[in-house]
């Protein structure tokens, strides 16, 4: 039997972990340089357990949604 989502240990425990994963996703998806990427905003949703990180580079902006338990990017939405 597996524990409920509330009992599982989060892999993305800190804002720094979330930003690192979000930047890795942007680097892979958009083939840009890490020096160009700036963190615009971060938010943790306590109800769902997801991190949201807004990043900007060049003239582009994106919001990266991540599952904190699985440490997995669930969505990258360019805005």
C-alpha atoms as a PDB file:
ATOM      1  CA  UNK A   1       0.000   0.000   0.000  1.00  0.00           C
ATOM      2  CA  UNK A   2       1.385   3.406  -0.914  1.00  0.00           C
ATOM      3  CA  UNK A   3       0.999   6.456   1.331  1.00  0.00           C
ATOM      4  CA  UNK A   4      -1.376   9.285   0.463  1.00  0.00           C
ATOM      5  CA  UNK A   5      -0.035  12.403  -1.256  1.00  0.00           C
ATOM      6  CA  UNK A   6       0.006  14.264   2.063  1.00  0.00           C
ATOM      7  CA  UNK A   7       2.318  11.672   3.593  1.00  0.00           C
ATOM      8  CA  UNK A   8       4.808  11.507   0.732  1.00  0.00           C
ATOM      9  CA  UNK A   9       8.102  13.349   1.032  1.00  0.00           C
ATOM     10  CA  UNK A  10       8.500  16.268  -1.365  1.00  0.00           C
ATOM     11  CA  UNK A  11      11.526  16.149  -3.640  1.00  0.00           C
ATOM     12  CA  UNK A  12      11.288  19.847  -4.494  1.00  0.00           C
ATOM     13  CA  UNK A  13      11.513  21.143  -0.942  1.00  0.00           C
ATOM     14  CA  UNK A  14      12.876  24.630  -1.527  1.00  0.00           C
ATOM     15  CA  UNK A  15      12.445  27.517  -3.921  1.00  0.00           C
ATOM     16  CA  UNK A  16      16.029  26.947  -5.078  1.00  0.00           C
ATOM     17  CA  UNK A  17      15.208  23.338  -6.086  1.00  0.00           C
ATOM     18  CA  UNK A  18      12.154  24.487  -8.032  1.00  0.00           C
ATOM     19  CA  UNK A  19      14.037  27.254  -9.861  1.00  0.00           C
ATOM     20  CA  UNK A  20      16.843  24.836 -10.806  1.00  0.00           C
ATOM     21  CA  UNK A  21      14.408  22.325 -12.319  1.00  0.00           C
ATOM     22  CA  UNK A  22      12.481  25.076 -14.118  1.00  0.00           C
ATOM     23  CA  UNK A  23      15.675  26.486 -15.629  1.00  0.00           C
ATOM     24  CA  UNK A  24      16.734  23.010 -16.767  1.00  0.00           C
ATOM     25  CA  UNK A  25      13.380  22.586 -18.496  1.00  0.00           C
ATOM     26  CA  UNK A  26      13.669  25.939 -20.278  1.00  0.00           C
ATOM     27  CA  UNK A  27      17.249  25.199 -21.347  1.00  0.00           C
ATOM     28  CA  UNK A  28      16.160  21.865 -22.811  1.00  0.00           C
ATOM     29  CA  UNK A  29      12.983  23.162 -24.465  1.00  0.00           C
ATOM     30  CA  UNK A  30      14.191  26.487 -25.867  1.00  0.00           C
ATOM     31  CA  UNK A  31      17.954  25.916 -26.364  1.00  0.00           C
ATOM     32  CA  UNK A  32      19.006  29.179 -24.735  1.00  0.00           C
ATOM     33  CA  UNK A  33      21.940  30.078 -22.488  1.00  0.00           C
ATOM     34  CA  UNK A  34      21.530  29.851 -18.718  1.00  0.00           C
ATOM     35  CA  UNK A  35      23.084  33.299 -18.196  1.00  0.00           C
ATOM     36  CA  UNK A  36      20.183  34.889 -20.104  1.00  0.00           C
ATOM     37  CA  UNK A  37      17.440  33.330 -17.950  1.00  0.00           C
ATOM     38  CA  UNK A  38      16.084  35.469 -15.098  1.00  0.00           C
ATOM     39  CA  UNK A  39      13.708  34.341 -12.357  1.00  0.00           C
ATOM     40  CA  UNK A  40      10.704  36.651 -12.375  1.00  0.00           C
ATOM     41  CA  UNK A  41       8.506  35.060  -9.702  1.00  0.00           C
ATOM     42  CA  UNK A  42       8.022  31.829  -7.745  1.00  0.00           C
ATOM     43  CA  UNK A  43       4.931  30.489  -6.012  1.00  0.00           C
ATOM     44  CA  UNK A  44       4.145  27.312  -4.097  1.00  0.00           C
ATOM     45  CA  UNK A  45       0.534  26.092  -4.046  1.00  0.00           C
ATOM     46  CA  UNK A  46      -0.029  24.464  -0.641  1.00  0.00           C
ATOM     47  CA  UNK A  47      -3.345  22.897  -1.647  1.00  0.00           C
ATOM     48  CA  UNK A  48      -2.045  21.010  -4.687  1.00  0.00           C
ATOM     49  CA  UNK A  49       1.653  20.790  -3.854  1.00  0.00           C
ATOM     50  CA  UNK A  50       2.836  22.356  -7.112  1.00  0.00           C
ATOM     51  CA  UNK A  51       5.554  24.934  -7.731  1.00  0.00           C
ATOM     52  CA  UNK A  52       5.065  27.696 -10.302  1.00  0.00           C
ATOM     53  CA  UNK A  53       8.170  29.509 -11.545  1.00  0.00           C
ATOM     54  CA  UNK A  54       8.019  32.425 -13.987  1.00  0.00           C
ATOM     55  CA  UNK A  55      11.204  32.840 -16.023  1.00  0.00           C
ATOM     56  CA  UNK A  56      12.241  35.387 -18.627  1.00  0.00           C
ATOM     57  CA  UNK A  57      14.982  35.445 -21.256  1.00  0.00           C
ATOM     58  CA  UNK A  58      15.547  37.548 -24.363  1.00  0.00           C
ATOM     59  CA  UNK A  59      12.031  38.746 -25.255  1.00  0.00           C
ATOM     60  CA  UNK A  60      10.314  35.560 -24.041  1.00  0.00           C
ATOM     61  CA  UNK A  61       8.580  34.668 -20.799  1.00  0.00           C
ATOM     62  CA  UNK A  62       7.296  31.317 -19.547  1.00  0.00           C
ATOM     63  CA  UNK A  63       5.607  29.809 -16.517  1.00  0.00           C
ATOM     64  CA  UNK A  64       6.863  26.382 -15.505  1.00  0.00           C
ATOM     65  CA  UNK A  65       4.521  24.223 -13.417  1.00  0.00           C
ATOM     66  CA  UNK A  66       6.120  21.395 -11.419  1.00  0.00           C
ATOM     67  CA  UNK A  67       4.926  18.592  -9.153  1.00  0.00           C
ATOM     68  CA  UNK A  68       6.837  18.942  -5.867  1.00  0.00           C
ATOM     69  CA  UNK A  69       6.491  15.264  -4.881  1.00  0.00           C
ATOM     70  CA  UNK A  70       7.630  13.778  -8.180  1.00  0.00           C
ATOM     71  CA  UNK A  71      10.082  16.625  -8.989  1.00  0.00           C
ATOM     72  CA  UNK A  72       8.702  16.629 -12.526  1.00  0.00           C
ATOM     73  CA  UNK A  73       7.752  19.446 -14.883  1.00  0.00           C
ATOM     74  CA  UNK A  74       4.084  19.086 -15.714  1.00  0.00           C
ATOM     75  CA  UNK A  75       3.667  22.112 -17.989  1.00  0.00           C
ATOM     76  CA  UNK A  76       5.661  24.883 -19.653  1.00  0.00           C
ATOM     77  CA  UNK A  77       3.436  27.712 -20.819  1.00  0.00           C
ATOM     78  CA  UNK A  78       4.945  30.569 -22.826  1.00  0.00           C
ATOM     79  CA  UNK A  79       3.276  33.907 -22.113  1.00  0.00           C
END
